[in-house]
Amino acid sequence: MLLISMLALGAVLTQPPVSASSRACADYTAATNARPVVTPASSLLRVVRRVTLPESGPAAVQGIRSLDMRADGTMLLVDSRQPRVSLRTASLGLTSILGREGSGPGEYRIPIQGWFSSSGDIWVLDMNAARLQAYTASGTYRKSVPGMPLDARVAFELTDSSFLIVGPTRTPRGNHVATAFRYNGQQAWNSVLLDPRVLELDLIVDGAWATRLRDGSAVVGMSVVPDVTQIDATTGAIRCRSRIPAAFWRQLTARERPRNATLAVLRQWIEAASVARVAVALPDGGFIVEIEGGAKGTESPRRSWVMFDARLAPHQVVDDVPGRILRTKGDTLLAIDDEAADGVAIHYLVFTAPIGVRR
């Protein structure tokens, strides 16, 4: 889904320094000059299962915005196109629908993210209403928490008592990308100042990406810049910075923006550049950032996965991946099948070779 949002967020500020207590990690210079192993998905990934979801009827799915999983295998699927939020079995069969479209208690307009909290509750972020809806583990409406950022794009539990909202937020100290809230709705901290290039472009393409790592910290980034920032879950302090290597990133720039262009022309301009869409954590402590679009001097594939290790060093790029990555399930990756002609289909993928090794 391609979203274009106009920003008028004020002054450009300098990014805060990396914490002196930060552990060793990759830095901007090293990441920029990195030459990761490049591997086609066909030689690294194997489809072990494919699940097709119905396009019509009570269990219909028109698009998957987010997918979370409970320890017992229960899935929470957020479909912002209908809109619909549903509980599903481990094999994605429908169990129940949570709430409905609307603006009342337990209702939503544009649900974009859902997650299971450590307490057992279910939380759903409604971007249109700038609020969270809370449900019991069985899906009964419990409460609403207003005051969420209007431009929120990603949300997930950060600690047992807090969650992270990722998207531009204006604060007295500047325009921040990451904001932590306690479950009572009280704001805990802001982190990662908005990149000046985003302000120069005066737009966001599907906003931002983020994921929680195995060590409990989070990595965040904006969709139209290659920077990767790791933040501490408790304080929001910046622990490490890295970036998608320059060889695999074509920057969207304000000077190339078409003047007086139609939406179709703007879309072509955006798609000719690189856009980071989503990120998922890996069991080894690393993570994947999915990118689409062009690369410098090459005709790049439509979609690639840039793989980072636990030090935030980019060490491998997987080309021609079979679909948008949703999440990991142990050693299995779940991704939407781009080629599906029979509805929304999900591939269950496993690695067939050690990560970082060319075959």
Protein backbone atom coordinates (compact mmCIF):
# COMPACT_ATOMS: atom_id res chain seq x y z
CA MET A 1 0.00 0.00 0.00
CA LEU A 2 1.40 3.40 -1.00
CA LEU A 3 0.52 6.27 1.31
CA ILE A 4 1.57 9.88 0.72
CA SER A 5 1.18 12.21 3.69
CA MET A 6 2.03 15.92 3.69
CA LEU A 7 4.13 17.24 6.59
CA ALA A 8 4.55 20.69 8.08
CA LEU A 9 6.61 19.77 11.09
CA GLY A 10 8.80 22.78 11.76
CA ALA A 11 12.53 23.20 12.20
CA VAL A 12 15.23 20.74 11.26
CA LEU A 13 17.21 19.57 14.30
CA THR A 14 20.41 17.58 14.69
CA GLN A 15 20.19 13.91 15.63
CA PRO A 16 21.07 13.13 19.28
CA PRO A 17 24.44 11.46 19.88
CA VAL A 18 24.89 7.74 20.37
CA SER A 19 24.94 6.83 24.07
CA ALA A 20 28.46 6.52 25.51
CA SER A 21 27.42 3.22 27.08
CA SER A 22 26.50 1.73 23.71
CA ARG A 23 27.93 -1.69 22.97
CA ALA A 24 30.07 -2.17 19.87
CA CYS A 25 28.08 -1.80 16.68
CA ALA A 26 28.35 -0.99 13.02
CA ASP A 27 28.69 2.71 12.17
CA TYR A 28 27.47 4.86 9.27
CA THR A 29 30.81 4.86 7.45
CA ALA A 30 31.26 1.10 7.65
CA ALA A 31 27.67 0.45 6.59
CA THR A 32 27.91 2.87 3.65
CA ASN A 33 31.01 1.12 2.33
CA ALA A 34 29.71 -2.38 3.06
CA ARG A 35 29.47 -4.90 0.22
CA PRO A 36 27.12 -7.58 1.52
CA VAL A 37 26.80 -10.97 -0.12
CA VAL A 38 24.06 -10.78 -2.79
CA THR A 39 21.99 -13.93 -3.17
CA PRO A 40 18.87 -14.63 -5.24
CA ALA A 41 15.97 -15.79 -3.12
CA SER A 42 15.63 -18.93 -5.24
CA SER A 43 18.98 -20.25 -3.97
CA LEU A 44 18.45 -19.30 -0.33
CA LEU A 45 14.74 -19.76 0.42
CA ARG A 46 12.35 -22.66 0.03
CA VAL A 47 8.54 -22.57 0.26
CA VAL A 48 7.44 -25.24 2.71
CA ARG A 49 3.78 -24.29 2.87
CA ARG A 50 1.28 -22.01 1.14
CA VAL A 51 -2.01 -20.85 2.67
CA THR A 52 -4.65 -19.10 0.56
CA LEU A 53 -7.20 -16.91 2.34
CA PRO A 54 -10.72 -16.39 0.91
CA GLU A 55 -11.54 -13.15 -0.92
CA SER A 56 -15.24 -13.18 0.04
CA GLY A 57 -17.49 -14.43 2.80
CA PRO A 58 -17.20 -14.06 6.59
CA ALA A 59 -13.52 -15.15 6.62
CA ALA A 60 -12.53 -12.87 3.72
CA VAL A 61 -9.15 -11.12 3.66
CA GLN A 62 -8.50 -8.31 1.18
CA GLY A 63 -5.05 -7.32 2.40
CA ILE A 64 -2.80 -7.92 5.39
CA ARG A 65 -1.47 -4.85 7.13
CA SER A 66 -0.04 -6.64 10.17
CA LEU A 67 0.14 -10.13 11.63
CA ASP A 68 1.03 -11.06 15.20
CA MET A 69 1.23 -14.44 16.90
CA ARG A 70 0.54 -15.66 20.42
CA ALA A 71 2.57 -18.43 22.10
CA ASP A 72 -0.26 -20.91 21.51
CA GLY A 73 -0.12 -20.22 17.76
CA THR A 74 -3.19 -17.94 17.61
CA MET A 75 -2.81 -15.26 14.93
CA LEU A 76 -4.02 -11.64 15.04
CA LEU A 77 -4.60 -10.39 11.49
CA VAL A 78 -5.22 -6.71 10.70
CA ASP A 79 -6.82 -6.02 7.31
CA SER A 80 -7.02 -2.24 6.79
CA ARG A 81 -8.70 -2.52 3.37
CA GLN A 82 -12.04 -3.86 4.62
CA PRO A 83 -11.35 -2.83 7.48
CA ARG A 84 -11.32 -5.92 9.71
CA VAL A 85 -9.40 -7.31 12.67
CA SER A 86 -9.61 -11.06 13.25
CA LEU A 87 -8.32 -13.85 15.45
CA ARG A 88 -7.14 -16.90 13.51
CA THR A 89 -5.80 -20.35 14.16
CA ALA A 90 -2.16 -21.28 13.59
CA SER A 91 -3.18 -22.29 10.05
CA LEU A 92 -4.97 -18.92 9.58
CA GLY A 93 -8.51 -20.27 9.81
CA LEU A 94 -10.98 -17.69 11.13
CA THR A 95 -11.83 -17.90 14.84
CA SER A 96 -13.55 -14.56 15.50
CA ILE A 97 -13.84 -10.94 14.38
CA LEU A 98 -12.86 -8.18 16.80
CA GLY A 99 -15.00 -5.04 16.74
CA ARG A 100 -16.27 -3.55 13.49
CA GLU A 101 -15.93 -0.49 11.28
CA GLY A 102 -17.09 2.70 12.98
CA SER A 103 -16.09 5.38 15.45
CA GLY A 104 -17.66 4.04 18.64
CA PRO A 105 -16.14 1.97 21.47
CA GLY A 106 -14.42 -1.10 20.09
CA GLU A 107 -14.78 0.17 16.51
CA TYR A 108 -12.13 1.38 14.05
CA ARG A 109 -11.75 3.26 10.76
CA ILE A 110 -8.24 2.40 9.56
CA PRO A 111 -6.70 -0.32 11.74
CA ILE A 112 -3.03 -0.53 10.81
CA GLN A 113 -1.40 -2.54 13.58
CA GLY A 114 -2.37 -5.12 16.17
CA TRP A 115 -0.48 -7.09 18.80
CA PHE A 116 -0.85 -9.45 21.74
CA SER A 117 0.44 -7.87 24.97
CA SER A 118 2.32 -9.81 27.63
CA SER A 119 -0.72 -9.44 29.91
CA GLY A 120 -2.86 -11.33 27.40
CA ASP A 121 -4.82 -8.37 26.04
CA ILE A 122 -5.15 -7.53 22.35
CA TRP A 123 -4.32 -4.01 21.18
CA VAL A 124 -5.27 -2.42 17.85
CA LEU A 125 -4.02 0.94 16.56
CA ASP A 126 -6.62 2.93 14.62
CA MET A 127 -4.72 5.50 12.55
CA ASN A 128 -7.80 7.47 11.47
CA ALA A 129 -9.03 8.00 15.04
CA ALA A 130 -5.53 8.36 16.57
CA ARG A 131 -6.40 5.88 19.31
CA LEU A 132 -5.81 2.37 20.56
CA GLN A 133 -8.55 -0.15 21.16
CA ALA A 134 -7.98 -2.84 23.80
CA TYR A 135 -9.73 -6.22 23.81
CA THR A 136 -9.52 -9.23 26.10
CA ALA A 137 -7.66 -12.36 25.00
CA SER A 138 -10.94 -13.75 23.66
CA GLY A 139 -11.70 -10.57 21.66
CA THR A 140 -14.20 -8.75 23.92
CA TYR A 141 -13.85 -4.96 23.86
CA ARG A 142 -12.22 -3.61 27.03
CA LYS A 143 -11.24 0.05 26.62
CA SER A 144 -10.02 2.81 24.31
CA VAL A 145 -6.84 4.87 24.71
CA PRO A 146 -6.95 8.19 22.80
CA GLY A 147 -4.13 10.61 22.03
CA MET A 148 -2.01 8.49 19.70
CA PRO A 149 0.04 10.25 16.95
CA LEU A 150 -2.00 10.91 13.81
CA ASP A 151 0.86 9.82 11.54
CA ALA A 152 1.52 6.54 13.37
CA ARG A 153 2.57 3.76 10.99
CA VAL A 154 3.88 0.96 13.22
CA ALA A 155 3.13 -0.12 16.80
CA PHE A 156 4.14 -3.04 19.02
CA GLU A 157 4.81 -3.94 22.65
CA LEU A 158 8.20 -2.72 23.85
CA THR A 159 8.20 -3.85 27.51
CA ASP A 160 5.60 -5.46 29.78
CA SER A 161 4.31 -1.97 30.64
CA SER A 162 4.87 0.01 27.43
CA PHE A 163 4.48 0.01 23.67
CA LEU A 164 6.21 1.85 20.83
CA ILE A 165 4.52 4.03 18.21
CA VAL A 166 6.61 4.78 15.12
CA GLY A 167 5.72 7.74 12.91
CA PRO A 168 6.42 11.50 12.98
CA THR A 169 5.39 13.17 16.23
CA ARG A 170 5.80 16.85 17.04
CA THR A 171 7.23 17.47 20.51
CA PRO A 172 8.67 20.56 22.30
CA ARG A 173 12.15 19.17 21.53
CA GLY A 174 11.57 18.65 17.82
CA ASN A 175 9.94 16.17 15.45
CA HIS A 176 10.55 12.60 16.55
CA VAL A 177 10.04 9.26 14.83
CA ALA A 178 9.69 6.93 17.85
CA THR A 179 7.43 7.51 20.86
CA ALA A 180 6.94 5.13 23.78
CA PHE A 181 3.69 5.08 25.73
CA ARG A 182 2.66 3.28 28.88
CA TYR A 183 -0.48 1.19 28.60
CA ASN A 184 -2.46 3.85 30.49
CA GLY A 185 -1.79 6.22 27.58
CA GLN A 186 0.89 8.29 29.34
CA GLN A 187 3.83 9.20 27.11
CA ALA A 188 7.14 7.78 28.36
CA TRP A 189 9.75 9.18 25.95
CA ASN A 190 10.53 10.31 22.39
CA SER A 191 13.54 9.24 20.36
CA VAL A 192 15.14 9.58 16.90
CA LEU A 193 14.68 13.02 15.38
CA LEU A 194 13.05 13.19 11.96
CA ASP A 195 15.62 13.17 9.17
CA PRO A 196 16.01 16.55 7.39
CA ARG A 197 15.63 14.84 4.00
CA VAL A 198 12.08 13.85 4.92
CA LEU A 199 11.26 17.49 5.66
CA GLU A 200 12.86 18.58 2.39
CA LEU A 201 10.67 16.13 0.47
CA ASP A 202 7.62 17.30 2.44
CA LEU A 203 6.16 13.80 2.28
CA ILE A 204 6.32 10.35 3.76
CA VAL A 205 5.89 7.18 1.71
CA ASP A 206 4.13 4.73 4.00
CA GLY A 207 5.88 6.47 6.84
CA ALA A 208 8.22 4.32 8.84
CA TRP A 209 9.31 0.82 9.79
CA ALA A 210 10.41 -0.77 13.06
CA THR A 211 10.79 -4.07 14.86
CA ARG A 212 11.67 -5.33 18.34
CA LEU A 213 14.90 -7.31 18.50
CA ARG A 214 15.69 -10.44 20.45
CA ASP A 215 17.57 -8.45 23.14
CA GLY A 216 14.49 -6.28 23.79
CA SER A 217 15.72 -3.15 22.02
CA ALA A 218 14.06 -1.76 18.90
CA VAL A 219 15.35 -0.71 15.48
CA VAL A 220 13.50 2.03 13.59
CA GLY A 221 13.78 3.91 10.33
CA MET A 222 11.91 6.16 7.92
CA SER A 223 10.79 4.72 4.60
CA VAL A 224 12.49 7.29 2.35
CA VAL A 225 15.96 7.33 3.97
CA PRO A 226 18.46 4.45 4.45
CA ASP A 227 19.29 5.13 8.11
CA VAL A 228 18.81 2.43 10.75
CA THR A 229 18.70 3.38 14.45
CA GLN A 230 18.67 1.07 17.46
CA ILE A 231 17.06 2.43 20.63
CA ASP A 232 16.95 1.26 24.24
CA ALA A 233 13.51 -0.05 25.27
CA THR A 234 13.54 1.53 28.73
CA THR A 235 14.94 5.01 28.08
CA GLY A 236 14.76 5.56 24.32
CA ALA A 237 18.51 6.31 24.25
CA ILE A 238 20.17 5.64 20.90
CA ARG A 239 22.37 2.54 21.20
CA CYS A 240 23.63 2.23 17.65
CA ARG A 241 23.28 3.63 14.15
CA SER A 242 23.76 1.93 10.81
CA ARG A 243 22.22 2.17 7.35
CA ILE A 244 21.24 0.30 4.24
CA PRO A 245 24.42 0.20 2.09
CA ALA A 246 24.68 2.93 -0.54
CA ALA A 247 25.19 0.37 -3.30
CA PHE A 248 21.65 -0.88 -2.71
CA TRP A 249 19.90 2.44 -2.13
CA ARG A 250 18.78 5.17 -4.52
CA GLN A 251 17.80 8.24 -2.53
CA LEU A 252 14.59 10.12 -3.27
CA THR A 253 15.56 13.81 -3.54
CA ALA A 254 13.59 17.04 -3.55
CA ARG A 255 15.46 18.44 -6.57
CA GLU A 256 14.20 15.54 -8.75
CA ARG A 257 10.60 15.95 -7.68
CA PRO A 258 8.30 16.59 -10.69
CA ARG A 259 6.63 20.01 -10.67
CA ASN A 260 2.87 20.33 -11.05
CA ALA A 261 2.72 16.58 -11.54
CA THR A 262 -0.27 14.28 -11.39
CA LEU A 263 -0.50 11.60 -8.70
CA ALA A 264 0.49 8.99 -11.31
CA VAL A 265 3.68 10.91 -12.21
CA LEU A 266 4.53 11.34 -8.51
CA ARG A 267 4.07 7.63 -8.01
CA GLN A 268 6.52 6.87 -10.85
CA TRP A 269 9.06 9.27 -9.32
CA ILE A 270 8.76 7.54 -5.95
CA GLU A 271 8.95 4.03 -7.38
CA ALA A 272 12.16 4.87 -9.27
CA ALA A 273 13.87 5.45 -5.90
CA SER A 274 14.38 3.11 -2.95
CA VAL A 275 11.76 2.80 -0.23
CA ALA A 276 12.12 0.77 2.98
CA ARG A 277 8.79 -0.90 3.72
CA VAL A 278 8.96 -3.19 6.71
CA ALA A 279 11.33 -4.94 9.12
CA VAL A 280 11.23 -8.24 11.02
CA ALA A 281 13.50 -9.63 13.73
CA LEU A 282 15.41 -12.90 13.30
CA PRO A 283 16.03 -15.56 15.97
CA ASP A 284 19.81 -14.98 15.88
CA GLY A 285 19.42 -11.38 17.09
CA GLY A 286 19.61 -9.80 13.64
CA PHE A 287 16.82 -8.48 11.45
CA ILE A 288 15.63 -7.93 7.89
CA VAL A 289 14.68 -4.61 6.30
CA GLU A 290 12.64 -4.97 3.11
CA ILE A 291 13.24 -2.41 0.35
CA GLU A 292 11.58 -1.73 -2.97
CA GLY A 293 12.62 0.36 -5.96
CA GLY A 294 15.78 1.38 -7.75
CA ALA A 295 19.47 1.14 -6.90
CA LYS A 296 22.35 3.30 -8.08
CA GLY A 297 23.47 2.47 -11.60
CA THR A 298 21.59 -0.82 -11.77
CA GLU A 299 18.23 -2.15 -12.71
CA SER A 300 17.36 -3.51 -9.28
CA PRO A 301 14.73 -6.12 -8.48
CA ARG A 302 11.36 -4.88 -7.34
CA ARG A 303 11.84 -6.14 -3.81
CA SER A 304 14.92 -7.13 -1.76
CA TRP A 305 15.70 -8.03 1.83
CA VAL A 306 18.71 -6.35 3.46
CA MET A 307 19.87 -8.58 6.31
CA PHE A 308 21.58 -7.08 9.37
CA ASP A 309 23.36 -8.97 12.15
CA ALA A 310 23.01 -8.22 15.88
CA ARG A 311 25.69 -5.50 15.60
CA LEU A 312 23.60 -3.73 12.93
CA ALA A 313 26.10 -4.64 10.23
CA PRO A 314 24.44 -5.26 6.83
CA HIS A 315 25.90 -8.58 5.66
CA GLN A 316 23.57 -9.97 2.98
CA VAL A 317 21.05 -8.83 0.38
CA VAL A 318 18.44 -11.29 -0.85
CA ASP A 319 17.16 -10.39 -4.34
CA ASP A 320 13.86 -11.20 -6.04
CA VAL A 321 12.09 -12.21 -2.84
CA PRO A 322 8.70 -13.88 -3.38
CA GLY A 323 6.58 -11.38 -1.48
CA ARG A 324 6.24 -8.81 1.30
CA ILE A 325 7.57 -10.19 4.55
CA LEU A 326 5.10 -10.25 7.44
CA ARG A 327 6.87 -11.81 10.41
CA THR A 328 8.98 -14.71 11.60
CA LYS A 329 7.70 -17.87 13.25
CA GLY A 330 10.76 -19.50 14.79
CA ASP A 331 13.04 -20.25 11.84
CA THR A 332 10.19 -19.79 9.35
CA LEU A 333 9.45 -16.54 7.50
CA LEU A 334 5.89 -15.63 6.55
CA ALA A 335 5.50 -13.54 3.38
CA ILE A 336 2.59 -12.53 1.15
CA ASP A 337 2.69 -14.27 -2.24
CA ASP A 338 2.97 -11.54 -4.89
CA GLU A 339 2.02 -13.89 -7.70
CA ALA A 340 -1.21 -15.17 -6.15
CA ALA A 341 -4.15 -15.04 -8.54
CA ASP A 342 -6.53 -16.89 -6.24
CA GLY A 343 -6.81 -14.40 -3.38
CA VAL A 344 -4.44 -13.38 -0.60
CA ALA A 345 -1.86 -16.13 -0.15
CA ILE A 346 0.91 -16.53 2.41
CA HIS A 347 4.18 -18.36 1.82
CA TYR A 348 5.92 -20.12 4.69
CA LEU A 349 9.64 -19.90 3.86
CA VAL A 350 12.77 -21.47 5.35
CA PHE A 351 16.44 -20.80 4.63
CA THR A 352 18.16 -23.59 2.75
CA ALA A 353 21.69 -22.25 3.21
CA PRO A 354 23.56 -20.47 6.02
CA ILE A 355 22.78 -16.75 6.00
CA GLY A 356 25.67 -14.73 4.59
CA VAL A 357 27.06 -17.60 2.48
CA ARG A 358 26.82 -17.47 -1.31
CA ARG A 359 25.69 -20.68 -2.99
